[in-house]
């Protein structure tokens, strides 16, 4: 648990909004285009694939996301450090209680880890998560779950001012949305229309299902393991 807590800046409070900033699965999408371009060119236009390959630059949070070594035990300072470059005031930053820079395992891994480290439950709506159409269509081609796909370039925030923070990100052209809330207890529930299910403990990232995905295995995908790379590099 201590190792897991080190990955999260701060801690969720019961009732906090869960905000995703930056479209999810951008890194995984770019890798799929890079390694499967010959296959994808038979299905999608060049412009579509160009946007998909450059999606982290266009629709993600930049590399100023605080790393684990910078964040442990310093919630107020790091929340301010992260948010102020995007135009947030010190007062707004103080309302951000938890920050997690996504990576392996995607947004579902991020949700599970933040709730587990904070000792809370959660309710989240998959339909509200910012995601690019390029990601959805490319993942459908390879039968991958985009919500469990490499998501460097996205951040999960816990805050009591979710609507204001999401709107502020959108004003600077970063996709963002309130996707759910931290709740009392241990239940972690996902919604998608009329479908309801419990959030599972994270497993291997979806990218490892690809024939060339072996190099991304055993990199701290499971909670409690040492995390070797905060932001994965190809």
Protein backbone atom coordinates (compact mmCIF):
# COMPACT_ATOMS: atom_id res chain seq x y z
CA UNK A 1 0.00 0.00 0.00
CA UNK A 2 2.83 2.43 0.77
CA UNK A 3 4.30 1.88 -2.69
CA UNK A 4 0.89 2.50 -4.21
CA UNK A 5 0.39 5.71 -2.23
CA UNK A 6 3.71 7.00 -3.54
CA UNK A 7 2.24 7.00 -7.04
CA UNK A 8 -0.58 9.35 -6.03
CA UNK A 9 -0.12 13.00 -5.12
CA UNK A 10 -2.37 13.64 -2.14
CA UNK A 11 -5.55 11.71 -1.38
CA UNK A 12 -9.19 11.70 -2.44
CA UNK A 13 -11.76 13.01 0.01
CA UNK A 14 -15.26 11.57 0.16
CA UNK A 15 -17.44 13.59 -2.20
CA UNK A 16 -14.58 14.77 -4.43
CA UNK A 17 -15.27 15.03 -8.13
CA UNK A 18 -13.11 12.88 -10.38
CA UNK A 19 -11.78 14.91 -13.30
CA UNK A 20 -9.91 13.55 -16.32
CA UNK A 21 -7.79 16.15 -18.16
CA UNK A 22 -6.31 15.20 -21.52
CA UNK A 23 -7.92 12.60 -23.78
CA UNK A 24 -7.17 9.04 -22.60
CA UNK A 25 -5.16 6.32 -24.38
CA UNK A 26 -3.22 8.80 -26.51
CA UNK A 27 0.13 7.08 -26.10
CA UNK A 28 -1.32 3.67 -26.84
CA UNK A 29 -3.04 5.05 -29.93
CA UNK A 30 0.19 6.56 -31.23
CA UNK A 31 2.05 3.27 -30.71
CA UNK A 32 -0.62 1.30 -32.54
CA UNK A 33 -0.30 3.61 -35.53
CA UNK A 34 3.48 3.39 -35.43
CA UNK A 35 3.70 -0.40 -35.33
CA UNK A 36 0.58 -1.27 -37.32
CA UNK A 37 0.61 1.48 -39.93
CA UNK A 38 0.67 -0.90 -42.90
CA UNK A 39 -2.51 -2.58 -41.67
CA UNK A 40 -4.23 0.64 -40.69
CA UNK A 41 -3.47 2.36 -44.01
CA UNK A 42 -5.76 -0.15 -45.69
CA UNK A 43 -8.67 1.06 -43.53
CA UNK A 44 -8.13 4.71 -42.60
CA UNK A 45 -7.10 7.85 -44.47
CA UNK A 46 -3.65 9.38 -44.16
CA UNK A 47 -5.06 12.42 -42.37
CA UNK A 48 -6.87 10.24 -39.83
CA UNK A 49 -3.68 8.30 -39.06
CA UNK A 50 -1.58 11.45 -38.89
CA UNK A 51 -3.90 12.91 -36.25
CA UNK A 52 -3.86 9.61 -34.34
CA UNK A 53 -0.07 9.46 -34.32
CA UNK A 54 0.27 13.09 -33.19
CA UNK A 55 -2.60 12.96 -30.71
CA UNK A 56 -0.46 13.32 -27.58
CA UNK A 57 0.86 16.66 -28.80
CA UNK A 58 -2.59 17.95 -29.74
CA UNK A 59 -4.94 16.57 -27.09
CA UNK A 60 -2.83 15.64 -24.06
CA UNK A 61 -1.35 17.27 -20.99
CA UNK A 62 2.27 18.22 -21.52
CA UNK A 63 5.24 16.69 -19.73
CA UNK A 64 5.01 19.10 -16.77
CA UNK A 65 2.97 16.52 -14.84
CA UNK A 66 4.77 15.97 -11.50
CA UNK A 67 6.66 12.70 -11.18
CA UNK A 68 6.46 10.34 -8.22
CA UNK A 69 9.82 11.45 -6.82
CA UNK A 70 8.55 15.05 -6.76
CA UNK A 71 5.17 14.42 -5.22
CA UNK A 72 5.32 12.10 -2.24
CA UNK A 73 3.88 13.74 0.88
CA UNK A 74 3.64 17.21 -0.68
CA UNK A 75 0.04 17.48 -1.91
CA UNK A 76 -0.51 21.22 -1.60
CA UNK A 77 2.80 22.17 -3.18
CA UNK A 78 2.54 19.76 -6.09
CA UNK A 79 -1.10 20.50 -6.86
CA UNK A 80 -0.15 24.15 -7.11
CA UNK A 81 2.93 23.31 -9.16
CA UNK A 82 0.86 21.27 -11.59
CA UNK A 83 -2.16 23.55 -12.01
CA UNK A 84 -0.66 27.04 -12.00
CA UNK A 85 1.16 26.67 -15.37
CA UNK A 86 -2.31 26.13 -16.84
CA UNK A 87 -3.60 29.42 -15.44
CA UNK A 88 -5.08 28.22 -12.14
CA UNK A 89 -4.86 30.48 -9.10
CA UNK A 90 -3.35 29.40 -5.79
CA UNK A 91 -6.85 29.21 -4.34
CA UNK A 92 -8.08 26.96 -7.17
CA UNK A 93 -5.02 24.74 -6.82
CA UNK A 94 -5.72 24.27 -3.11
CA UNK A 95 -9.01 22.59 -4.00
CA UNK A 96 -7.20 19.83 -5.90
CA UNK A 97 -6.76 17.05 -3.34
CA UNK A 98 -5.28 14.28 -5.50
CA UNK A 99 -3.29 14.11 -8.75
CA UNK A 100 -2.29 11.01 -10.71
CA UNK A 101 -0.35 11.07 -13.98
CA UNK A 102 -1.79 8.21 -16.01
CA UNK A 103 0.36 5.66 -17.79
CA UNK A 104 0.19 1.88 -17.98
CA UNK A 105 -3.22 0.30 -17.54
CA UNK A 106 -5.04 3.41 -18.73
CA UNK A 107 -7.79 5.35 -17.02
CA UNK A 108 -9.34 2.32 -15.31
CA UNK A 109 -6.03 1.52 -13.65
CA UNK A 110 -5.75 5.17 -12.58
CA UNK A 111 -9.23 5.14 -11.03
CA UNK A 112 -8.56 1.91 -9.13
CA UNK A 113 -5.19 3.09 -7.83
CA UNK A 114 -6.43 6.49 -6.69
CA UNK A 115 -9.42 5.00 -4.86
CA UNK A 116 -7.35 2.19 -3.33
CA UNK A 117 -4.61 4.55 -2.13
CA UNK A 118 -7.22 6.94 -0.71
CA UNK A 119 -9.40 4.30 0.96
CA UNK A 120 -12.55 5.39 -0.85
CA UNK A 121 -15.09 3.99 -3.24
CA UNK A 122 -16.08 5.67 -6.49
CA UNK A 123 -18.75 5.96 -9.13
CA UNK A 124 -17.67 6.83 -12.68
CA UNK A 125 -19.41 7.09 -16.05
CA UNK A 126 -17.34 5.70 -18.94
CA UNK A 127 -19.30 7.82 -21.42
CA UNK A 128 -17.96 11.03 -19.88
CA UNK A 129 -14.27 10.14 -20.21
CA UNK A 130 -12.53 12.30 -22.84
CA UNK A 131 -11.45 10.02 -25.67
CA UNK A 132 -10.65 10.61 -29.33
CA UNK A 133 -12.65 8.95 -32.10
CA UNK A 134 -9.35 7.84 -33.66
CA UNK A 135 -8.59 5.90 -30.48
CA UNK A 136 -12.01 4.23 -30.43
CA UNK A 137 -11.86 3.11 -34.05
CA UNK A 138 -8.25 1.89 -33.96
CA UNK A 139 -8.86 -0.05 -30.75
CA UNK A 140 -11.96 -1.65 -32.30
CA UNK A 141 -9.79 -2.88 -35.18
CA UNK A 142 -7.49 -4.75 -32.79
CA UNK A 143 -10.15 -5.69 -30.22
CA UNK A 144 -8.50 -3.65 -27.45
CA UNK A 145 -10.13 -1.86 -24.52
CA UNK A 146 -9.13 1.83 -24.87
CA UNK A 147 -9.84 2.44 -21.19
CA UNK A 148 -7.06 -0.02 -20.27
CA UNK A 149 -4.57 1.32 -22.80
CA UNK A 150 -1.40 3.36 -22.22
CA UNK A 151 -2.53 6.86 -21.25
CA UNK A 152 0.52 9.06 -20.72
CA UNK A 153 -0.69 12.54 -21.60
CA UNK A 154 -3.77 12.27 -19.36
CA UNK A 155 -4.22 13.12 -15.69
CA UNK A 156 -6.78 12.08 -13.08
CA UNK A 157 -7.64 14.73 -10.48
CA UNK A 158 -9.67 14.59 -7.28
CA UNK A 159 -11.19 17.96 -6.38
CA UNK A 160 -14.18 19.59 -4.73
CA UNK A 161 -14.43 21.99 -7.69
CA UNK A 162 -14.62 19.56 -10.56
CA UNK A 163 -16.83 21.58 -12.90
CA UNK A 164 -14.71 24.73 -12.59
CA UNK A 165 -11.43 22.86 -13.09
CA UNK A 166 -12.72 20.92 -16.11
CA UNK A 167 -14.04 24.12 -17.69
CA UNK A 168 -10.72 25.87 -17.10
CA UNK A 169 -8.85 23.10 -18.93
CA UNK A 170 -11.29 23.22 -21.82
CA UNK A 171 -10.76 26.97 -22.16
CA UNK A 172 -7.10 26.28 -22.95
CA UNK A 173 -8.04 23.57 -25.46
CA UNK A 174 -7.30 20.56 -23.24
CA UNK A 175 -10.16 18.02 -23.25
CA UNK A 176 -11.46 17.57 -19.70
CA UNK A 177 -14.58 16.37 -17.90
CA UNK A 178 -15.98 15.41 -14.52
CA UNK A 179 -16.44 11.66 -14.90
CA UNK A 180 -17.58 10.66 -11.42
CA UNK A 181 -17.19 11.06 -7.68
CA UNK A 182 -15.39 9.55 -4.70
CA UNK A 183 -17.87 7.90 -2.32
CA UNK A 184 -17.85 6.33 1.11
CA UNK A 185 -16.99 2.64 1.33
CA UNK A 186 -15.06 0.32 -0.96
CA UNK A 187 -17.43 -0.13 -3.89
CA UNK A 188 -16.00 1.10 -7.19
CA UNK A 189 -18.75 1.19 -9.75
CA UNK A 190 -18.60 1.97 -13.48
CA UNK A 191 -21.57 3.03 -15.57
CA UNK A 192 -22.06 2.97 -19.33
CA UNK A 193 -25.65 3.70 -20.25
CA UNK A 194 -27.79 1.06 -18.55
CA UNK A 195 -24.80 -1.20 -17.94
CA UNK A 196 -23.31 -1.20 -14.43
CA UNK A 197 -20.27 -3.14 -13.28
CA UNK A 198 -17.59 -3.12 -10.61
CA UNK A 199 -14.12 -1.79 -11.36
CA UNK A 200 -11.63 -4.66 -11.43
CA UNK A 201 -8.13 -4.68 -10.01
CA UNK A 202 -5.71 -3.63 -12.78
CA UNK A 203 -3.94 -6.19 -14.95
CA UNK A 204 -1.54 -5.98 -17.87
CA UNK A 205 -1.95 -3.04 -20.21
CA UNK A 206 -3.88 -3.75 -23.41
CA UNK A 207 -0.80 -2.93 -25.50
CA UNK A 208 0.75 -6.20 -24.29
CA UNK A 209 -1.85 -8.10 -26.33
CA UNK A 210 -0.13 -7.01 -29.53
CA UNK A 211 2.55 -9.30 -31.04
CA UNK A 212 5.17 -6.61 -30.45
CA UNK A 213 3.89 -5.75 -26.97
CA UNK A 214 6.21 -7.98 -24.90
CA UNK A 215 8.66 -5.14 -24.25
CA UNK A 216 5.95 -3.37 -22.24
CA UNK A 217 5.33 -6.22 -19.80
CA UNK A 218 6.47 -6.29 -16.18
CA UNK A 219 6.92 -2.54 -15.80
CA UNK A 220 5.10 -2.03 -12.54
CA UNK A 221 1.62 -2.60 -13.93
CA UNK A 222 0.24 -4.03 -10.72
CA UNK A 223 -0.46 -1.96 -7.59
CA UNK A 224 2.33 -2.22 -5.05
CA UNK A 225 5.06 -3.09 -7.54
CA UNK A 226 7.92 -0.71 -8.10
CA UNK A 227 6.99 1.60 -10.94
CA UNK A 228 10.02 1.83 -13.21
CA UNK A 229 8.75 4.56 -15.53
CA UNK A 230 6.28 7.27 -14.58
CA UNK A 231 5.92 8.18 -18.25
CA UNK A 232 6.56 5.31 -20.63
CA UNK A 233 8.88 5.92 -23.51
CA UNK A 234 8.98 3.95 -26.74
